[in-house]
Amino acid sequence: MLNMKDISITFNEGTLDEKKALQHINLEMQKGDFVTVIGSNGAGKSTLMNMVSGSLKPDIGTVKINDKNVTMLPEYKRSRMIGRVFQDPMAGTAPTMTIEENLAMAYARNKKRTLKAGVSKKRKKLFKEHLETLHLGLENRLNAKVGLLSGGERQALSLLMATFTEPNILLLDEHTAALDPSRAELITNLTGEVVEQFGLTTLMVTHNMQQALDLGNRLIMMDKGQIILEVSGQEKQELTIEKLLHEFQRIRGTQMENDRAILG
């Protein structure tokens, strides 16, 4: 479903600010894989995410989605294959538009453009059915402006908008980091339910180590633009935060007092 081969990119090459953001990244995800990505600040997590979405293009290497080479395909064209939820609840929705209008835009993302009315009775019924799965009462507020929703409600709506068209790839970019603990837990639980319901191939970046352990069937750790650890299956199920910290320290060859803060 997703194949990244020998991906490298350097920022500000040839200057004092030169940084190798990704170095020879190889990542393959099969349909239904849910990969969580952790690492210290500057490890390359967001760059990896942007490489998949198309907002960045590699210096070398190829990106394939569903066996199609999309390396040079612009972001707006890749968006038909990709759903994405950002860290900022304000980023994934249009605040001046209603819930219904936002859902209509998301629904049309991978559809052919037509001259038909934006929201038919059949489509409104579909929207309500999907909103009901959030258990937030949003199905009764279709005409409410999205800008009036709370951060948690808005992020739940963003998650629904990114997933109910069943994209080839779902990107979750620290999508609970800006929420208070109770709302973050809600969105984490919803994430697990939605991904399982649709069998979505998902790549999730997080600083929350427990979240990275609880969700998904695979985990990768990044550092200095490289994948330094990958675990899956039973090995991932048996992982703990302490074991992850130990591996991070062992691989880097140094022990840092604030590793837990850096990775968590």
C-alpha atoms as a PDB file:
ATOM      1  CA  MET A   1       0.000   0.000   0.000  1.00  0.00           C
ATOM      2  CA  LEU A   2       2.856   2.406   0.893  1.00  0.00           C
ATOM      3  CA  ASN A   3       6.420   1.893  -0.242  1.00  0.00           C
ATOM      4  CA  MET A   4       9.210   4.370   0.488  1.00  0.00           C
ATOM      5  CA  LYS A   5      12.557   3.367  -0.961  1.00  0.00           C
ATOM      6  CA  ASP A   6      15.916   5.010  -0.189  1.00  0.00           C
ATOM      7  CA  ILE A   7      14.315   8.357   0.678  1.00  0.00           C
ATOM      8  CA  SER A   8      16.754  11.155   1.523  1.00  0.00           C
ATOM      9  CA  ILE A   9      16.373  14.914   1.778  1.00  0.00           C
ATOM     10  CA  THR A  10      18.746  17.626   2.994  1.00  0.00           C
ATOM     11  CA  PHE A  11      17.599  21.079   4.050  1.00  0.00           C
ATOM     12  CA  ASN A  12      19.757  24.169   3.416  1.00  0.00           C
ATOM     13  CA  GLU A  13      22.378  22.119   1.628  1.00  0.00           C
ATOM     14  CA  GLY A  14      25.799  23.755   1.378  1.00  0.00           C
ATOM     15  CA  THR A  15      25.127  26.264   4.158  1.00  0.00           C
ATOM     16  CA  LEU A  16      25.995  26.432   7.840  1.00  0.00           C
ATOM     17  CA  ASP A  17      22.393  25.393   8.552  1.00  0.00           C
ATOM     18  CA  GLU A  18      22.609  22.210   6.469  1.00  0.00           C
ATOM     19  CA  LYS A  19      20.585  19.376   7.965  1.00  0.00           C
ATOM     20  CA  LYS A  20      20.107  15.832   6.707  1.00  0.00           C
ATOM     21  CA  ALA A  21      16.411  15.566   7.517  1.00  0.00           C
ATOM     22  CA  LEU A  22      15.940  12.030   6.172  1.00  0.00           C
ATOM     23  CA  GLN A  23      18.711   9.560   5.384  1.00  0.00           C
ATOM     24  CA  HIS A  24      18.030   6.504   3.215  1.00  0.00           C
ATOM     25  CA  ILE A  25      14.593   5.771   4.646  1.00  0.00           C
ATOM     26  CA  ASN A  26      13.033   2.469   3.622  1.00  0.00           C
ATOM     27  CA  LEU A  27       9.499   1.843   4.812  1.00  0.00           C
ATOM     28  CA  GLU A  28       6.914  -0.564   3.461  1.00  0.00           C
ATOM     29  CA  MET A  29       3.359  -0.783   4.757  1.00  0.00           C
ATOM     30  CA  GLN A  30       0.847  -3.430   3.750  1.00  0.00           C
ATOM     31  CA  LYS A  31      -2.889  -2.772   3.604  1.00  0.00           C
ATOM     32  CA  GLY A  32      -4.246  -2.461   7.149  1.00  0.00           C
ATOM     33  CA  ASP A  33      -0.877  -1.785   8.791  1.00  0.00           C
ATOM     34  CA  PHE A  34      -0.992   0.794  11.578  1.00  0.00           C
ATOM     35  CA  VAL A  35       2.498   2.168  12.195  1.00  0.00           C
ATOM     36  CA  THR A  36       3.219   4.510  15.089  1.00  0.00           C
ATOM     37  CA  VAL A  37       6.302   6.746  14.837  1.00  0.00           C
ATOM     38  CA  ILE A  38       8.208   8.138  17.805  1.00  0.00           C
ATOM     39  CA  GLY A  39      11.485   9.997  18.174  1.00  0.00           C
ATOM     40  CA  SER A  40      13.127  13.066  19.627  1.00  0.00           C
ATOM     41  CA  ASN A  41      12.520  16.578  18.317  1.00  0.00           C
ATOM     42  CA  GLY A  42      14.186  16.964  14.949  1.00  0.00           C
ATOM     43  CA  ALA A  43      14.344  13.210  14.373  1.00  0.00           C
ATOM     44  CA  GLY A  44      12.572  13.500  11.011  1.00  0.00           C
ATOM     45  CA  LYS A  45       9.055  12.405  11.969  1.00  0.00           C
ATOM     46  CA  SER A  46       7.215  15.363  10.441  1.00  0.00           C
ATOM     47  CA  THR A  47       9.470  15.311   7.384  1.00  0.00           C
ATOM     48  CA  LEU A  48       8.571  11.655   6.880  1.00  0.00           C
ATOM     49  CA  MET A  49       4.881  12.542   7.112  1.00  0.00           C
ATOM     50  CA  ASN A  50       5.265  15.423   4.647  1.00  0.00           C
ATOM     51  CA  MET A  51       7.120  13.150   2.247  1.00  0.00           C
ATOM     52  CA  VAL A  52       4.129  10.804   2.150  1.00  0.00           C
ATOM     53  CA  SER A  53       1.597  13.640   1.768  1.00  0.00           C
ATOM     54  CA  GLY A  54       3.527  15.255  -1.069  1.00  0.00           C
ATOM     55  CA  SER A  55       4.223  18.591   0.600  1.00  0.00           C
ATOM     56  CA  LEU A  56       7.922  17.646   0.319  1.00  0.00           C
ATOM     57  CA  LYS A  57       9.745  15.811  -2.451  1.00  0.00           C
ATOM     58  CA  PRO A  58      12.904  13.751  -1.831  1.00  0.00           C
ATOM     59  CA  ASP A  59      16.367  14.547  -3.144  1.00  0.00           C
ATOM     60  CA  ILE A  60      16.630  10.856  -3.954  1.00  0.00           C
ATOM     61  CA  GLY A  61      14.340   7.855  -3.571  1.00  0.00           C
ATOM     62  CA  THR A  62      10.799   6.901  -4.557  1.00  0.00           C
ATOM     63  CA  VAL A  63       7.380   6.961  -2.914  1.00  0.00           C
ATOM     64  CA  LYS A  64       4.674   4.589  -4.080  1.00  0.00           C
ATOM     65  CA  ILE A  65       1.060   4.410  -2.942  1.00  0.00           C
ATOM     66  CA  ASN A  66      -0.973   1.405  -4.005  1.00  0.00           C
ATOM     67  CA  ASP A  67       1.834   0.483  -6.463  1.00  0.00           C
ATOM     68  CA  LYS A  68       1.641   3.903  -8.138  1.00  0.00           C
ATOM     69  CA  ASN A  69       4.794   6.022  -8.206  1.00  0.00           C
ATOM     70  CA  VAL A  70       3.727   9.333  -6.646  1.00  0.00           C
ATOM     71  CA  THR A  71       7.208  10.715  -5.934  1.00  0.00           C
ATOM     72  CA  MET A  72       6.695  13.786  -8.115  1.00  0.00           C
ATOM     73  CA  LEU A  73       2.908  13.968  -7.764  1.00  0.00           C
ATOM     74  CA  PRO A  74       1.858  17.270  -6.117  1.00  0.00           C
ATOM     75  CA  GLU A  75       0.125  17.282  -2.762  1.00  0.00           C
ATOM     76  CA  TYR A  76      -3.294  18.321  -4.100  1.00  0.00           C
ATOM     77  CA  LYS A  77      -3.366  15.293  -6.396  1.00  0.00           C
ATOM     78  CA  ARG A  78      -2.182  12.912  -3.692  1.00  0.00           C
ATOM     79  CA  SER A  79      -4.948  14.195  -1.416  1.00  0.00           C
ATOM     80  CA  ARG A  80      -7.413  11.980  -3.256  1.00  0.00           C
ATOM     81  CA  MET A  81      -5.531   8.973  -1.867  1.00  0.00           C
ATOM     82  CA  ILE A  82      -4.613  10.383   1.539  1.00  0.00           C
ATOM     83  CA  GLY A  83      -6.541  11.467   4.635  1.00  0.00           C
ATOM     84  CA  ARG A  84      -4.683  13.584   7.178  1.00  0.00           C
ATOM     85  CA  VAL A  85      -5.388  14.882  10.665  1.00  0.00           C
ATOM     86  CA  PHE A  86      -3.093  17.631  11.946  1.00  0.00           C
ATOM     87  CA  GLN A  87      -1.977  18.540  15.466  1.00  0.00           C
ATOM     88  CA  ASP A  88      -3.879  21.832  15.391  1.00  0.00           C
ATOM     89  CA  PRO A  89      -7.665  21.222  15.600  1.00  0.00           C
ATOM     90  CA  MET A  90      -8.076  24.418  13.532  1.00  0.00           C
ATOM     91  CA  ALA A  91      -6.065  23.051  10.591  1.00  0.00           C
ATOM     92  CA  GLY A  92      -8.254  20.304   9.196  1.00  0.00           C
ATOM     93  CA  THR A  93     -11.601  22.102   8.946  1.00  0.00           C
ATOM     94  CA  ALA A  94     -13.107  25.330   7.610  1.00  0.00           C
ATOM     95  CA  PRO A  95     -14.300  27.289  10.701  1.00  0.00           C
ATOM     96  CA  THR A  96     -16.748  29.587   8.900  1.00  0.00           C
ATOM     97  CA  MET A  97     -18.550  26.662   7.273  1.00  0.00           C
ATOM     98  CA  THR A  98     -21.051  24.337   8.905  1.00  0.00           C
ATOM     99  CA  ILE A  99     -20.428  20.752   9.960  1.00  0.00           C
ATOM    100  CA  GLU A 100     -22.520  19.615   7.010  1.00  0.00           C
ATOM    101  CA  GLU A 101     -20.544  21.760   4.551  1.00  0.00           C
ATOM    102  CA  ASN A 102     -17.218  20.523   5.899  1.00  0.00           C
ATOM    103  CA  LEU A 103     -18.340  16.913   5.571  1.00  0.00           C
ATOM    104  CA  ALA A 104     -19.551  17.592   2.015  1.00  0.00           C
ATOM    105  CA  MET A 105     -16.111  18.916   1.059  1.00  0.00           C
ATOM    106  CA  ALA A 106     -14.398  15.889   2.557  1.00  0.00           C
ATOM    107  CA  TYR A 107     -16.838  13.525   0.878  1.00  0.00           C
ATOM    108  CA  ALA A 108     -16.099  15.084  -2.527  1.00  0.00           C
ATOM    109  CA  ARG A 109     -12.334  14.758  -2.111  1.00  0.00           C
ATOM    110  CA  ASN A 110     -12.027  11.522  -4.078  1.00  0.00           C
ATOM    111  CA  LYS A 111     -15.155  11.968  -6.196  1.00  0.00           C
ATOM    112  CA  LYS A 112     -15.567  13.406  -9.681  1.00  0.00           C
ATOM    113  CA  ARG A 113     -16.804  16.991  -9.775  1.00  0.00           C
ATOM    114  CA  THR A 114     -20.511  17.345 -10.673  1.00  0.00           C
ATOM    115  CA  LEU A 115     -23.082  20.122 -10.881  1.00  0.00           C
ATOM    116  CA  LYS A 116     -25.410  18.404  -8.427  1.00  0.00           C
ATOM    117  CA  ALA A 117     -26.379  20.021  -5.125  1.00  0.00           C
ATOM    118  CA  GLY A 118     -23.730  19.681  -2.432  1.00  0.00           C
ATOM    119  CA  VAL A 119     -25.829  17.807   0.115  1.00  0.00           C
ATOM    120  CA  SER A 120     -28.690  15.527  -0.887  1.00  0.00           C
ATOM    121  CA  LYS A 121     -31.075  13.882   1.573  1.00  0.00           C
ATOM    122  CA  LYS A 122     -29.239  10.608   1.075  1.00  0.00           C
ATOM    123  CA  ARG A 123     -25.879  12.233   1.773  1.00  0.00           C
ATOM    124  CA  LYS A 124     -27.197  14.067   4.836  1.00  0.00           C
ATOM    125  CA  LYS A 125     -28.410  10.732   6.195  1.00  0.00           C
ATOM    126  CA  LEU A 126     -24.933   9.287   5.591  1.00  0.00           C
ATOM    127  CA  PHE A 127     -23.300  12.207   7.404  1.00  0.00           C
ATOM    128  CA  LYS A 128     -25.590  11.766  10.413  1.00  0.00           C
ATOM    129  CA  GLU A 129     -24.840   8.043  10.593  1.00  0.00           C
ATOM    130  CA  HIS A 130     -21.102   8.681  10.649  1.00  0.00           C
ATOM    131  CA  LEU A 131     -21.386  11.528  13.158  1.00  0.00           C
ATOM    132  CA  GLU A 132     -23.350   9.268  15.501  1.00  0.00           C
ATOM    133  CA  THR A 133     -20.295   7.009  15.812  1.00  0.00           C
ATOM    134  CA  LEU A 134     -18.451   9.875  17.536  1.00  0.00           C
ATOM    135  CA  HIS A 135     -20.960   9.887  20.435  1.00  0.00           C
ATOM    136  CA  LEU A 136     -20.674  13.685  20.707  1.00  0.00           C
ATOM    137  CA  GLY A 137     -24.149  14.693  19.542  1.00  0.00           C
ATOM    138  CA  LEU A 138     -22.770  16.385  16.419  1.00  0.00           C
ATOM    139  CA  GLU A 139     -25.337  14.587  14.275  1.00  0.00           C
ATOM    140  CA  ASN A 140     -27.896  17.005  15.736  1.00  0.00           C
ATOM    141  CA  ARG A 141     -25.792  20.078  14.916  1.00  0.00           C
ATOM    142  CA  LEU A 142     -25.235  19.753  11.166  1.00  0.00           C
ATOM    143  CA  ASN A 143     -25.849  23.472  10.620  1.00  0.00           C
ATOM    144  CA  ALA A 144     -23.536  24.622  13.418  1.00  0.00           C
ATOM    145  CA  LYS A 145     -20.421  26.570  12.383  1.00  0.00           C
ATOM    146  CA  VAL A 146     -17.341  24.441  12.942  1.00  0.00           C
ATOM    147  CA  GLY A 147     -15.535  27.409  14.493  1.00  0.00           C
ATOM    148  CA  LEU A 148     -17.951  27.194  17.447  1.00  0.00           C
ATOM    149  CA  LEU A 149     -16.960  23.609  18.309  1.00  0.00           C
ATOM    150  CA  SER A 150     -14.556  22.757  21.109  1.00  0.00           C
ATOM    151  CA  GLY A 151     -11.053  21.557  20.237  1.00  0.00           C
ATOM    152  CA  GLY A 152     -11.962  17.949  20.979  1.00  0.00           C
ATOM    153  CA  GLU A 153     -15.164  18.110  18.929  1.00  0.00           C
ATOM    154  CA  ARG A 154     -13.330  19.692  16.052  1.00  0.00           C
ATOM    155  CA  GLN A 155     -10.555  17.096  16.111  1.00  0.00           C
ATOM    156  CA  ALA A 156     -13.136  14.304  16.198  1.00  0.00           C
ATOM    157  CA  LEU A 157     -14.781  15.877  13.143  1.00  0.00           C
ATOM    158  CA  SER A 158     -11.375  16.155  11.434  1.00  0.00           C
ATOM    159  CA  LEU A 159     -10.762  12.461  12.093  1.00  0.00           C
ATOM    160  CA  LEU A 160     -14.136  11.583  10.599  1.00  0.00           C
ATOM    161  CA  MET A 161     -13.547  13.806   7.570  1.00  0.00           C
ATOM    162  CA  ALA A 162     -10.170  12.182   6.952  1.00  0.00           C
ATOM    163  CA  THR A 163     -11.440   8.619   7.201  1.00  0.00           C
ATOM    164  CA  PHE A 164     -15.032   8.136   6.088  1.00  0.00           C
ATOM    165  CA  THR A 165     -14.039   8.127   2.399  1.00  0.00           C
ATOM    166  CA  GLU A 166     -11.641   5.272   3.275  1.00  0.00           C
ATOM    167  CA  PRO A 167      -8.384   6.737   1.879  1.00  0.00           C
ATOM    168  CA  ASN A 168      -5.475   4.567   0.784  1.00  0.00           C
ATOM    169  CA  ILE A 169      -3.311   6.098   3.515  1.00  0.00           C
ATOM    170  CA  LEU A 170      -4.307   7.852   6.758  1.00  0.00           C
ATOM    171  CA  LEU A 171      -1.756  10.267   8.243  1.00  0.00           C
ATOM    172  CA  LEU A 172      -2.114  11.244  11.898  1.00  0.00           C
ATOM    173  CA  ASP A 173       0.268  14.067  12.721  1.00  0.00           C
ATOM    174  CA  GLU A 174       0.405  14.282  16.554  1.00  0.00           C
ATOM    175  CA  HIS A 175      -3.361  14.701  16.334  1.00  0.00           C
ATOM    176  CA  THR A 176      -3.977  14.576  20.102  1.00  0.00           C
ATOM    177  CA  ALA A 177      -1.035  16.714  21.250  1.00  0.00           C
ATOM    178  CA  ALA A 178      -2.998  19.986  21.478  1.00  0.00           C
ATOM    179  CA  LEU A 179      -5.893  18.517  23.479  1.00  0.00           C
ATOM    180  CA  ASP A 180      -6.423  18.247  27.234  1.00  0.00           C
ATOM    181  CA  PRO A 181      -5.949  14.716  28.654  1.00  0.00           C
ATOM    182  CA  SER A 182      -9.641  13.732  28.642  1.00  0.00           C
ATOM    183  CA  ARG A 183     -10.188  14.879  25.056  1.00  0.00           C
ATOM    184  CA  ALA A 184      -6.885  13.317  23.977  1.00  0.00           C
ATOM    185  CA  GLU A 185      -8.052   9.991  25.392  1.00  0.00           C
ATOM    186  CA  LEU A 186     -11.375  10.352  23.556  1.00  0.00           C
ATOM    187  CA  ILE A 187      -9.663  10.992  20.203  1.00  0.00           C
ATOM    188  CA  THR A 188      -7.168   8.164  20.836  1.00  0.00           C
ATOM    189  CA  ASN A 189     -10.032   5.728  21.431  1.00  0.00           C
ATOM    190  CA  LEU A 190     -11.930   7.007  18.401  1.00  0.00           C
ATOM    191  CA  THR A 191      -8.794   6.590  16.312  1.00  0.00           C
ATOM    192  CA  GLY A 192      -8.474   2.930  17.235  1.00  0.00           C
ATOM    193  CA  GLU A 193     -12.154   2.319  16.484  1.00  0.00           C
ATOM    194  CA  VAL A 194     -12.191   4.121  13.129  1.00  0.00           C
ATOM    195  CA  VAL A 195      -8.976   2.537  11.858  1.00  0.00           C
ATOM    196  CA  GLU A 196     -10.225  -0.906  12.791  1.00  0.00           C
ATOM    197  CA  GLN A 197     -13.689  -0.282  11.343  1.00  0.00           C
ATOM    198  CA  PHE A 198     -12.388   0.677   7.900  1.00  0.00           C
ATOM    199  CA  GLY A 199      -9.174  -1.378   7.975  1.00  0.00           C
ATOM    200  CA  LEU A 200      -7.186   1.755   7.168  1.00  0.00           C
ATOM    201  CA  THR A 201      -3.463   1.771   6.421  1.00  0.00           C
ATOM    202  CA  THR A 202      -2.277   4.321   8.973  1.00  0.00           C
ATOM    203  CA  LEU A 203       0.922   6.200   9.781  1.00  0.00           C
ATOM    204  CA  MET A 204       0.792   8.074  13.094  1.00  0.00           C
ATOM    205  CA  VAL A 205       3.431  10.407  14.533  1.00  0.00           C
ATOM    206  CA  THR A 206       3.237  10.913  18.280  1.00  0.00           C
ATOM    207  CA  HIS A 207       5.304  12.146  21.218  1.00  0.00           C
ATOM    208  CA  ASN A 208       3.150  10.100  23.565  1.00  0.00           C
ATOM    209  CA  MET A 209       4.991   6.836  24.106  1.00  0.00           C
ATOM    210  CA  GLN A 210       2.050   5.101  25.747  1.00  0.00           C
ATOM    211  CA  GLN A 211      -0.156   6.023  22.822  1.00  0.00           C
ATOM    212  CA  ALA A 212       2.467   4.634  20.433  1.00  0.00           C
ATOM    213  CA  LEU A 213       2.425   1.364  22.377  1.00  0.00           C
ATOM    214  CA  ASP A 214      -1.361   1.128  22.696  1.00  0.00           C
ATOM    215  CA  LEU A 215      -2.196   1.781  19.055  1.00  0.00           C
ATOM    216  CA  GLY A 216      -1.111  -0.027  15.918  1.00  0.00           C
ATOM    217  CA  ASN A 217       0.587  -3.278  15.002  1.00  0.00           C
ATOM    218  CA  ARG A 218       4.011  -1.770  14.250  1.00  0.00           C
ATOM    219  CA  LEU A 219       6.237   0.862  15.858  1.00  0.00           C
ATOM    220  CA  ILE A 220       9.257   2.668  14.481  1.00  0.00           C
ATOM    221  CA  MET A 221      11.673   4.934  16.320  1.00  0.00           C
ATOM    222  CA  MET A 222      13.495   7.701  14.459  1.00  0.00           C
ATOM    223  CA  ASP A 223      16.629   9.662  15.293  1.00  0.00           C
ATOM    224  CA  LYS A 224      18.654  12.090  13.177  1.00  0.00           C
ATOM    225  CA  GLY A 225      16.667  11.351  10.047  1.00  0.00           C
ATOM    226  CA  GLN A 226      16.975   7.585  10.285  1.00  0.00           C
ATOM    227  CA  ILE A 227      14.800   4.684  11.417  1.00  0.00           C
ATOM    228  CA  ILE A 228      16.813   3.241  14.281  1.00  0.00           C
ATOM    229  CA  LEU A 229      14.325   0.699  15.627  1.00  0.00           C
ATOM    230  CA  GLU A 230      11.314  -1.178  14.302  1.00  0.00           C
ATOM    231  CA  VAL A 231       9.143  -3.646  16.207  1.00  0.00           C
ATOM    232  CA  SER A 232       5.897  -5.380  15.353  1.00  0.00           C
ATOM    233  CA  GLY A 233       3.514  -8.139  16.361  1.00  0.00           C
ATOM    234  CA  GLN A 234       4.085  -9.888  19.672  1.00  0.00           C
ATOM    235  CA  GLU A 235       7.316  -7.988  20.283  1.00  0.00           C
ATOM    236  CA  LYS A 236       5.417  -4.695  20.143  1.00  0.00           C
ATOM    237  CA  GLN A 237       2.677  -6.002  22.430  1.00  0.00           C
ATOM    238  CA  GLU A 238       5.291  -6.829  25.059  1.00  0.00           C
ATOM    239  CA  LEU A 239       7.005  -3.439  24.870  1.00  0.00           C
ATOM    240  CA  THR A 240       6.897  -0.994  27.763  1.00  0.00           C
ATOM    241  CA  ILE A 241       7.957   2.628  28.042  1.00  0.00           C
ATOM    242  CA  GLU A 242      10.958   1.547  30.083  1.00  0.00           C
ATOM    243  CA  LYS A 243      12.056  -0.929  27.401  1.00  0.00           C
ATOM    244  CA  LEU A 244      11.676   1.733  24.718  1.00  0.00           C
ATOM    245  CA  LEU A 245      13.798   4.197  26.683  1.00  0.00           C
ATOM    246  CA  HIS A 246      16.431   1.521  27.228  1.00  0.00           C
ATOM    247  CA  GLU A 247      16.550   0.768  23.490  1.00  0.00           C
ATOM    248  CA  PHE A 248      16.784   4.465  22.653  1.00  0.00           C
ATOM    249  CA  GLN A 249      19.679   4.932  25.038  1.00  0.00           C
ATOM    250  CA  ARG A 250      21.405   1.737  23.882  1.00  0.00           C
ATOM    251  CA  ILE A 251      21.190   2.604  20.185  1.00  0.00           C
ATOM    252  CA  ARG A 252      22.328   6.201  20.653  1.00  0.00           C
ATOM    253  CA  GLY A 253      25.110   5.078  22.961  1.00  0.00           C
ATOM    254  CA  THR A 254      24.363   7.825  25.470  1.00  0.00           C
ATOM    255  CA  GLN A 255      22.028   8.270  28.387  1.00  0.00           C
ATOM    256  CA  MET A 256      20.093  11.486  28.676  1.00  0.00           C
ATOM    257  CA  GLU A 257      18.263  12.524  31.803  1.00  0.00           C
ATOM    258  CA  ASN A 258      15.272  13.826  29.887  1.00  0.00           C
ATOM    259  CA  ASP A 259      14.868  10.991  27.380  1.00  0.00           C
ATOM    260  CA  ARG A 260      11.376  10.321  28.705  1.00  0.00           C
ATOM    261  CA  ALA A 261      10.396  13.928  28.081  1.00  0.00           C
ATOM    262  CA  ILE A 262      12.015  13.907  24.628  1.00  0.00           C
ATOM    263  CA  LEU A 263      10.282  10.741  23.479  1.00  0.00           C
ATOM    264  CA  GLY A 264       7.078  11.132  25.469  1.00  0.00           C
END
